[in-house]
Amino acid sequence: MIDDIFEAVFDVLLGFIPNVVLGAIALVVGLVTTAVGIATLSDPGMAGEALTIVGLSVVAGVLILWRR
C-alpha cells in the first residue's frame, strides 16, 4: 500500500522535472563518484576501482543518452 503511494508521488514529481535536468544531476553524481574513486585508488581494497568504474559508467551513459 505504501509503495503505491510513493510510486504515485514520485511519478508526479518526476513528471515536472525535465529529462535534461535529471541527466545533468546524474552527470554531476558520476563525475563526483569518479573523482572520489580516483582519489581512493591508492588505498588497499577495491573500493577505488569500483567507484571509478561506476562513476565512468554513469557519465558515459548520460553522454550517450544526450547524443541521441
PDB file of N, CA and C in Angstrom:
ATOM      1  N   MET A   1       0.818  -1.196   0.000  1.00  0.00           N
ATOM      2  CA  MET A   1       0.000   0.000   0.000  1.00  0.00           C
ATOM      3  C   MET A   1       0.863   1.262   0.000  1.00  0.00           C
ATOM      4  N   ILE A   2       1.862   1.265   0.901  1.00  0.00           N
ATOM      5  CA  ILE A   2       2.704   2.461   0.986  1.00  0.00           C
ATOM      6  C   ILE A   2       3.555   2.629  -0.266  1.00  0.00           C
ATOM      7  N   ASP A   3       3.943   1.516  -0.900  1.00  0.00           N
ATOM      8  CA  ASP A   3       4.740   1.622  -2.115  1.00  0.00           C
ATOM      9  C   ASP A   3       3.929   2.194  -3.271  1.00  0.00           C
ATOM     10  N   ASP A   4       2.634   1.948  -3.300  1.00  0.00           N
ATOM     11  CA  ASP A   4       1.783   2.551  -4.323  1.00  0.00           C
ATOM     12  C   ASP A   4       1.688   4.064  -4.146  1.00  0.00           C
ATOM     13  N   ILE A   5       1.627   4.507  -2.910  1.00  0.00           N
ATOM     14  CA  ILE A   5       1.577   5.949  -2.632  1.00  0.00           C
ATOM     15  C   ILE A   5       2.883   6.608  -3.050  1.00  0.00           C
ATOM     16  N   PHE A   6       4.027   5.984  -2.670  1.00  0.00           N
ATOM     17  CA  PHE A   6       5.323   6.547  -3.052  1.00  0.00           C
ATOM     18  C   PHE A   6       5.496   6.554  -4.564  1.00  0.00           C
ATOM     19  N   GLU A   7       5.042   5.511  -5.235  1.00  0.00           N
ATOM     20  CA  GLU A   7       5.162   5.449  -6.689  1.00  0.00           C
ATOM     21  C   GLU A   7       4.362   6.575  -7.341  1.00  0.00           C
ATOM     22  N   ALA A   8       3.177   6.830  -6.858  1.00  0.00           N
ATOM     23  CA  ALA A   8       2.350   7.896  -7.415  1.00  0.00           C
ATOM     24  C   ALA A   8       2.993   9.263  -7.183  1.00  0.00           C
ATOM     25  N   VAL A   9       3.532   9.475  -5.987  1.00  0.00           N
ATOM     26  CA  VAL A   9       4.175  10.755  -5.675  1.00  0.00           C
ATOM     27  C   VAL A   9       5.416  10.952  -6.536  1.00  0.00           C
ATOM     28  N   PHE A  10       6.253   9.911  -6.679  1.00  0.00           N
ATOM     29  CA  PHE A  10       7.454  10.030  -7.498  1.00  0.00           C
ATOM     30  C   PHE A  10       7.113  10.246  -8.965  1.00  0.00           C
ATOM     31  N   ASP A  11       6.055   9.604  -9.465  1.00  0.00           N
ATOM     32  CA  ASP A  11       5.652   9.815 -10.854  1.00  0.00           C
ATOM     33  C   ASP A  11       5.238  11.258 -11.089  1.00  0.00           C
ATOM     34  N   VAL A  12       4.519  11.826 -10.150  1.00  0.00           N
ATOM     35  CA  VAL A  12       4.088  13.218 -10.286  1.00  0.00           C
ATOM     36  C   VAL A  12       5.288  14.155 -10.214  1.00  0.00           C
ATOM     37  N   LEU A  13       6.175  13.929  -9.243  1.00  0.00           N
ATOM     38  CA  LEU A  13       7.347  14.798  -9.096  1.00  0.00           C
ATOM     39  C   LEU A  13       8.288  14.696 -10.286  1.00  0.00           C
ATOM     40  N   LEU A  14       8.535  13.488 -10.772  1.00  0.00           N
ATOM     41  CA  LEU A  14       9.429  13.322 -11.912  1.00  0.00           C
ATOM     42  C   LEU A  14       8.804  13.825 -13.202  1.00  0.00           C
ATOM     43  N   GLY A  15       7.498  13.922 -13.235  1.00  0.00           N
ATOM     44  CA  GLY A  15       6.830  14.474 -14.410  1.00  0.00           C
ATOM     45  C   GLY A  15       7.090  15.963 -14.574  1.00  0.00           C
ATOM     46  N   PHE A  16       7.369  16.659 -13.488  1.00  0.00           N
ATOM     47  CA  PHE A  16       7.625  18.096 -13.542  1.00  0.00           C
ATOM     48  C   PHE A  16       9.085  18.429 -13.845  1.00  0.00           C
ATOM     49  N   ILE A  17       9.988  17.471 -13.650  1.00  0.00           N
ATOM     50  CA  ILE A  17      11.411  17.721 -13.858  1.00  0.00           C
ATOM     51  C   ILE A  17      11.787  17.244 -15.259  1.00  0.00           C
ATOM     52  N   PRO A  18      12.358  18.128 -16.085  1.00  0.00           N
ATOM     53  CA  PRO A  18      12.738  17.705 -17.436  1.00  0.00           C
ATOM     54  C   PRO A  18      13.870  16.672 -17.407  1.00  0.00           C
ATOM     55  N   ASN A  19      13.953  15.875 -18.458  1.00  0.00           N
ATOM     56  CA  ASN A  19      14.985  14.845 -18.541  1.00  0.00           C
ATOM     57  C   ASN A  19      16.383  15.436 -18.585  1.00  0.00           C
ATOM     58  N   VAL A  20      16.525  16.639 -19.120  1.00  0.00           N
ATOM     59  CA  VAL A  20      17.841  17.275 -19.185  1.00  0.00           C
ATOM     60  C   VAL A  20      18.354  17.566 -17.784  1.00  0.00           C
ATOM     61  N   VAL A  21      17.481  17.988 -16.896  1.00  0.00           N
ATOM     62  CA  VAL A  21      17.884  18.276 -15.523  1.00  0.00           C
ATOM     63  C   VAL A  21      18.290  16.990 -14.806  1.00  0.00           C
ATOM     64  N   LEU A  22      17.524  15.931 -14.992  1.00  0.00           N
ATOM     65  CA  LEU A  22      17.884  14.647 -14.387  1.00  0.00           C
ATOM     66  C   LEU A  22      19.210  14.140 -14.941  1.00  0.00           C
ATOM     67  N   GLY A  23      19.441  14.339 -16.233  1.00  0.00           N
ATOM     68  CA  GLY A  23      20.712  13.944 -16.828  1.00  0.00           C
ATOM     69  C   GLY A  23      21.873  14.755 -16.277  1.00  0.00           C
ATOM     70  N   ALA A  24      21.657  16.051 -16.078  1.00  0.00           N
ATOM     71  CA  ALA A  24      22.709  16.895 -15.514  1.00  0.00           C
ATOM     72  C   ALA A  24      23.043  16.477 -14.083  1.00  0.00           C
ATOM     73  N   ILE A  25      22.026  16.129 -13.316  1.00  0.00           N
ATOM     74  CA  ILE A  25      22.261  15.661 -11.945  1.00  0.00           C
ATOM     75  C   ILE A  25      23.030  14.348 -11.969  1.00  0.00           C
ATOM     76  N   ALA A  26      22.658  13.443 -12.862  1.00  0.00           N
ATOM     77  CA  ALA A  26      23.366  12.167 -12.975  1.00  0.00           C
ATOM     78  C   ALA A  26      24.804  12.379 -13.434  1.00  0.00           C
ATOM     79  N   LEU A  27      25.020  13.346 -14.324  1.00  0.00           N
ATOM     80  CA  LEU A  27      26.373  13.648 -14.790  1.00  0.00           C
ATOM     81  C   LEU A  27      27.241  14.150 -13.649  1.00  0.00           C
ATOM     82  N   VAL A  28      26.707  15.035 -12.838  1.00  0.00           N
ATOM     83  CA  VAL A  28      27.464  15.566 -11.695  1.00  0.00           C
ATOM     84  C   VAL A  28      27.753  14.451 -10.693  1.00  0.00           C
ATOM     85  N   VAL A  29      26.768  13.613 -10.422  1.00  0.00           N
ATOM     86  CA  VAL A  29      26.979  12.493  -9.494  1.00  0.00           C
ATOM     87  C   VAL A  29      28.039  11.547 -10.040  1.00  0.00           C
ATOM     88  N   GLY A  30      28.009  11.284 -11.327  1.00  0.00           N
ATOM     89  CA  GLY A  30      29.012  10.422 -11.940  1.00  0.00           C
ATOM     90  C   GLY A  30      30.410  11.007 -11.870  1.00  0.00           C
ATOM     91  N   LEU A  31      30.525  12.312 -12.107  1.00  0.00           N
ATOM     92  CA  LEU A  31      31.830  12.965 -12.023  1.00  0.00           C
ATOM     93  C   LEU A  31      32.370  12.962 -10.600  1.00  0.00           C
ATOM     94  N   VAL A  32      31.506  13.207  -9.627  1.00  0.00           N
ATOM     95  CA  VAL A  32      31.939  13.185  -8.223  1.00  0.00           C
ATOM     96  C   VAL A  32      32.344  11.775  -7.820  1.00  0.00           C
ATOM     97  N   THR A  33      31.577  10.787  -8.228  1.00  0.00           N
ATOM     98  CA  THR A  33      31.911   9.397  -7.904  1.00  0.00           C
ATOM     99  C   THR A  33      33.245   9.003  -8.528  1.00  0.00           C
ATOM    100  N   THR A  34      33.485   9.430  -9.758  1.00  0.00           N
ATOM    101  CA  THR A  34      34.760   9.149 -10.409  1.00  0.00           C
ATOM    102  C   THR A  34      35.907   9.820  -9.683  1.00  0.00           C
ATOM    103  N   ALA A  35      35.714  11.067  -9.272  1.00  0.00           N
ATOM    104  CA  ALA A  35      36.767  11.789  -8.560  1.00  0.00           C
ATOM    105  C   ALA A  35      37.098  11.127  -7.226  1.00  0.00           C
ATOM    106  N   VAL A  36      36.078  10.712  -6.504  1.00  0.00           N
ATOM    107  CA  VAL A  36      36.312  10.022  -5.231  1.00  0.00           C
ATOM    108  C   VAL A  36      36.994   8.686  -5.480  1.00  0.00           C
ATOM    109  N   GLY A  37      36.602   7.977  -6.509  1.00  0.00           N
ATOM    110  CA  GLY A  37      37.232   6.705  -6.839  1.00  0.00           C
ATOM    111  C   GLY A  37      38.688   6.861  -7.203  1.00  0.00           C
ATOM    112  N   ILE A  38      39.009   7.892  -7.979  1.00  0.00           N
ATOM    113  CA  ILE A  38      40.398   8.132  -8.350  1.00  0.00           C
ATOM    114  C   ILE A  38      41.218   8.524  -7.126  1.00  0.00           C
ATOM    115  N   ALA A  39      40.620   9.293  -6.232  1.00  0.00           N
ATOM    116  CA  ALA A  39      41.337   9.701  -5.027  1.00  0.00           C
ATOM    117  C   ALA A  39      41.623   8.521  -4.102  1.00  0.00           C
ATOM    118  N   THR A  40      40.804   7.485  -4.150  1.00  0.00           N
ATOM    119  CA  THR A  40      40.990   6.345  -3.253  1.00  0.00           C
ATOM    120  C   THR A  40      41.618   5.140  -3.958  1.00  0.00           C
ATOM    121  N   LEU A  41      42.187   5.336  -5.139  1.00  0.00           N
ATOM    122  CA  LEU A  41      42.810   4.220  -5.847  1.00  0.00           C
ATOM    123  C   LEU A  41      44.010   3.661  -5.095  1.00  0.00           C
ATOM    124  N   SER A  42      44.722   4.505  -4.366  1.00  0.00           N
ATOM    125  CA  SER A  42      45.930   4.039  -3.688  1.00  0.00           C
ATOM    126  C   SER A  42      45.622   3.280  -2.397  1.00  0.00           C
ATOM    127  N   ASP A  43      44.416   3.384  -1.898  1.00  0.00           N
ATOM    128  CA  ASP A  43      44.049   2.662  -0.681  1.00  0.00           C
ATOM    129  C   ASP A  43      43.920   1.174  -0.973  1.00  0.00           C
ATOM    130  N   PRO A  44      44.199   0.339   0.022  1.00  0.00           N
ATOM    131  CA  PRO A  44      44.016  -1.104  -0.199  1.00  0.00           C
ATOM    132  C   PRO A  44      42.532  -1.442  -0.355  1.00  0.00           C
ATOM    133  N   GLY A  45      42.272  -2.487  -1.056  1.00  0.00           N
ATOM    134  CA  GLY A  45      40.881  -2.867  -1.329  1.00  0.00           C
ATOM    135  C   GLY A  45      40.495  -2.427  -2.717  1.00  0.00           C
ATOM    136  N   MET A  46      39.279  -2.724  -3.065  1.00  0.00           N
ATOM    137  CA  MET A  46      38.829  -2.423  -4.420  1.00  0.00           C
ATOM    138  C   MET A  46      37.770  -1.329  -4.454  1.00  0.00           C
ATOM    139  N   ALA A  47      37.651  -0.552  -3.388  1.00  0.00           N
ATOM    140  CA  ALA A  47      36.630   0.493  -3.355  1.00  0.00           C
ATOM    141  C   ALA A  47      36.912   1.571  -4.396  1.00  0.00           C
ATOM    142  N   GLY A  48      38.168   1.973  -4.539  1.00  0.00           N
ATOM    143  CA  GLY A  48      38.520   2.998  -5.517  1.00  0.00           C
ATOM    144  C   GLY A  48      38.235   2.564  -6.938  1.00  0.00           C
ATOM    145  N   GLU A  49      38.584   1.325  -7.240  1.00  0.00           N
ATOM    146  CA  GLU A  49      38.338   0.811  -8.584  1.00  0.00           C
ATOM    147  C   GLU A  49      36.843   0.727  -8.875  1.00  0.00           C
ATOM    148  N   ALA A  50      36.096   0.256  -7.902  1.00  0.00           N
ATOM    149  CA  ALA A  50      34.647   0.123  -8.093  1.00  0.00           C
ATOM    150  C   ALA A  50      33.989   1.488  -8.277  1.00  0.00           C
ATOM    151  N   LEU A  51      34.380   2.472  -7.462  1.00  0.00           N
ATOM    152  CA  LEU A  51      33.798   3.806  -7.592  1.00  0.00           C
ATOM    153  C   LEU A  51      34.154   4.437  -8.931  1.00  0.00           C
ATOM    154  N   THR A  52      35.386   4.226  -9.383  1.00  0.00           N
ATOM    155  CA  THR A  52      35.797   4.781 -10.666  1.00  0.00           C
ATOM    156  C   THR A  52      34.992   4.166 -11.808  1.00  0.00           C
ATOM    157  N   ILE A  53      34.816   2.863 -11.773  1.00  0.00           N
ATOM    158  CA  ILE A  53      34.060   2.189 -12.842  1.00  0.00           C
ATOM    159  C   ILE A  53      32.596   2.624 -12.836  1.00  0.00           C
ATOM    160  N   VAL A  54      32.001   2.701 -11.657  1.00  0.00           N
ATOM    161  CA  VAL A  54      30.595   3.132 -11.570  1.00  0.00           C
ATOM    162  C   VAL A  54      30.449   4.575 -12.040  1.00  0.00           C
ATOM    163  N   GLY A  55      31.341   5.443 -11.600  1.00  0.00           N
ATOM    164  CA  GLY A  55      31.272   6.848 -11.999  1.00  0.00           C
ATOM    165  C   GLY A  55      31.431   7.029 -13.499  1.00  0.00           C
ATOM    166  N   LEU A  56      32.412   6.341 -14.087  1.00  0.00           N
ATOM    167  CA  LEU A  56      32.607   6.448 -15.531  1.00  0.00           C
ATOM    168  C   LEU A  56      31.429   5.861 -16.308  1.00  0.00           C
ATOM    169  N   SER A  57      30.826   4.818 -15.782  1.00  0.00           N
ATOM    170  CA  SER A  57      29.652   4.231 -16.434  1.00  0.00           C
ATOM    171  C   SER A  57      28.468   5.196 -16.425  1.00  0.00           C
ATOM    172  N   VAL A  58      28.273   5.873 -15.313  1.00  0.00           N
ATOM    173  CA  VAL A  58      27.176   6.852 -15.229  1.00  0.00           C
ATOM    174  C   VAL A  58      27.423   8.007 -16.190  1.00  0.00           C
ATOM    175  N   VAL A  59      28.648   8.516 -16.209  1.00  0.00           N
ATOM    176  CA  VAL A  59      28.974   9.626 -17.115  1.00  0.00           C
ATOM    177  C   VAL A  59      28.803   9.198 -18.568  1.00  0.00           C
ATOM    178  N   ALA A  60      29.306   8.023 -18.916  1.00  0.00           N
ATOM    179  CA  ALA A  60      29.176   7.542 -20.296  1.00  0.00           C
ATOM    180  C   ALA A  60      27.711   7.328 -20.666  1.00  0.00           C
ATOM    181  N   GLY A  61      26.924   6.792 -19.748  1.00  0.00           N
ATOM    182  CA  GLY A  61      25.508   6.583 -20.029  1.00  0.00           C
ATOM    183  C   GLY A  61      24.766   7.875 -20.290  1.00  0.00           C
ATOM    184  N   VAL A  62      25.045   8.883 -19.489  1.00  0.00           N
ATOM    185  CA  VAL A  62      24.377  10.172 -19.680  1.00  0.00           C
ATOM    186  C   VAL A  62      24.798  10.790 -21.011  1.00  0.00           C
ATOM    187  N   LEU A  63      26.081  10.738 -21.317  1.00  0.00           N
ATOM    188  CA  LEU A  63      26.541  11.335 -22.559  1.00  0.00           C
ATOM    189  C   LEU A  63      25.988  10.597 -23.785  1.00  0.00           C
ATOM    190  N   ILE A  64      25.874   9.284 -23.699  1.00  0.00           N
ATOM    191  CA  ILE A  64      25.287   8.514 -24.812  1.00  0.00           C
ATOM    192  C   ILE A  64      23.814   8.866 -24.981  1.00  0.00           C
ATOM    193  N   LEU A  65      23.081   8.993 -23.880  1.00  0.00           N
ATOM    194  CA  LEU A  65      21.661   9.347 -23.991  1.00  0.00           C
ATOM    195  C   LEU A  65      21.469  10.763 -24.513  1.00  0.00           C
ATOM    196  N   TRP A  66      22.363  11.684 -24.138  1.00  0.00           N
ATOM    197  CA  TRP A  66      22.249  13.059 -24.656  1.00  0.00           C
ATOM    198  C   TRP A  66      22.602  13.121 -26.130  1.00  0.00           C
ATOM    199  N   ARG A  67      23.434  12.228 -26.599  1.00  0.00           N
ATOM    200  CA  ARG A  67      23.843  12.229 -28.002  1.00  0.00           C
ATOM    201  C   ARG A  67      22.671  11.860 -28.905  1.00  0.00           C
ATOM    202  N   ARG A  68      21.769  11.028 -28.410  1.00  0.00           N
ATOM    203  CA  ARG A  68      20.639  10.558 -29.232  1.00  0.00           C
ATOM    204  C   ARG A  68      19.664  11.640 -29.488  1.00  0.00           C
TER     205      ARG A  68
END
